Protein backbone atom coordinates (compact mmCIF):
# COMPACT_ATOMS: atom_id res chain seq x y z
CA UNK A 1 1.81 27.79 -9.77
CA UNK A 2 2.39 24.01 -9.61
CA UNK A 3 2.30 22.09 -12.75
CA UNK A 4 0.51 18.62 -12.91
CA UNK A 5 3.40 16.54 -12.01
CA UNK A 6 4.15 18.65 -8.86
CA UNK A 7 0.59 18.56 -7.89
CA UNK A 8 0.29 14.78 -8.27
CA UNK A 9 3.42 14.19 -6.23
CA UNK A 10 2.27 16.56 -3.56
CA UNK A 11 -1.10 14.72 -3.38
CA UNK A 12 0.47 11.31 -3.27
CA UNK A 13 2.89 12.33 -0.64
CA UNK A 14 0.07 13.76 1.51
CA UNK A 15 -1.76 10.49 1.10
CA UNK A 16 1.26 8.49 2.16
CA UNK A 17 1.68 10.57 5.22
CA UNK A 18 -1.87 10.29 6.22
CA UNK A 19 -1.81 6.54 5.67
CA UNK A 20 1.45 6.30 7.79
CA UNK A 21 -0.42 8.02 10.67
CA UNK A 22 -3.39 5.71 10.10
CA UNK A 23 -1.11 2.68 10.45
CA UNK A 24 0.00 3.96 13.82
CA UNK A 25 -3.63 4.30 14.85
CA UNK A 26 -4.22 0.61 14.40
CA UNK A 27 -2.16 -0.09 17.57
CA UNK A 28 -5.30 0.91 19.46
CA UNK A 29 -7.45 -1.80 17.83
CA UNK A 30 -8.61 -4.52 20.34
CA UNK A 31 -8.45 -7.29 17.89
CA UNK A 32 -4.89 -8.28 16.51
CA UNK A 33 -6.36 -9.98 13.42
CA UNK A 34 -8.25 -6.76 12.53
CA UNK A 35 -5.05 -4.74 13.26
CA UNK A 36 -2.98 -7.00 10.95
CA UNK A 37 -5.56 -6.66 8.08
CA UNK A 38 -5.72 -2.91 8.53
CA UNK A 39 -1.81 -2.53 8.57
CA UNK A 40 -1.38 -4.85 5.38
CA UNK A 41 -4.03 -2.91 3.57
CA UNK A 42 -2.55 0.45 4.33
CA UNK A 43 1.01 -0.83 3.79
CA UNK A 44 0.17 -2.36 0.22
CA UNK A 45 -1.87 0.65 -0.72
CA UNK A 46 1.15 2.78 -0.05
CA UNK A 47 3.22 0.36 -2.03
CA UNK A 48 0.98 0.69 -5.00
CA UNK A 49 1.01 4.50 -4.75
CA UNK A 50 4.78 4.47 -4.77
CA UNK A 51 4.89 2.10 -7.77
CA UNK A 52 2.41 4.08 -9.86
CA UNK A 53 3.24 7.62 -8.88
CA UNK A 54 6.90 7.84 -7.94
CA UNK A 55 8.24 5.11 -10.07
CA UNK A 56 5.86 6.15 -12.90
CA UNK A 57 4.76 2.71 -13.68
CA UNK A 58 1.49 4.01 -14.73
CA UNK A 59 2.87 4.79 -18.06
CA UNK A 60 4.68 1.45 -18.46
CA UNK A 61 3.64 -1.48 -20.56
CA UNK A 62 1.01 -3.86 -19.20
CA UNK A 63 3.58 -6.51 -18.93
CA UNK A 64 5.36 -4.61 -16.13
CA UNK A 65 2.22 -3.32 -14.45
CA UNK A 66 0.42 -6.67 -14.05
CA UNK A 67 3.32 -8.44 -12.12
CA UNK A 68 3.62 -5.50 -9.76
CA UNK A 69 0.03 -5.26 -9.03
CA UNK A 70 -0.16 -9.04 -8.64
CA UNK A 71 2.75 -8.90 -6.15
CA UNK A 72 0.96 -6.32 -4.24
CA UNK A 73 -2.13 -8.35 -3.96
CA UNK A 74 -0.48 -11.79 -3.48
CA UNK A 75 2.05 -10.89 -0.81
CA UNK A 76 -0.49 -9.52 1.72
CA UNK A 77 -2.89 -12.43 1.11
CA UNK A 78 0.02 -14.91 1.74
CA UNK A 79 0.95 -13.08 4.82
CA UNK A 80 -2.62 -12.94 6.04
CA UNK A 81 -2.90 -16.79 5.27
CA UNK A 82 0.30 -17.52 7.28
CA UNK A 83 -0.89 -15.38 10.23
CA UNK A 84 -4.38 -16.82 10.36
CA UNK A 85 -3.26 -20.49 9.96
CA UNK A 86 -0.91 -20.03 12.92
CA UNK A 87 2.23 -20.76 10.93
CA UNK A 88 3.79 -17.44 11.82
């Protein structure tokens, strides 16, 4: 019988694998802007899962959680802004 930690890790790993397959499915999208947004959303969702589940930041002080979550929000927004303004 699995304990709670093993179950949490297995669920997280399964979600990460499904998200990885979903990332590959975006290659079939006709619009490159839509594909970019989809890949960034999937990628940074996976980043947050790794941060909170595997790095166990969910139990960390708020002073550590906030910068990590902010980073996972600001970076894809910045990448999107660079892409959409034609600077990339």
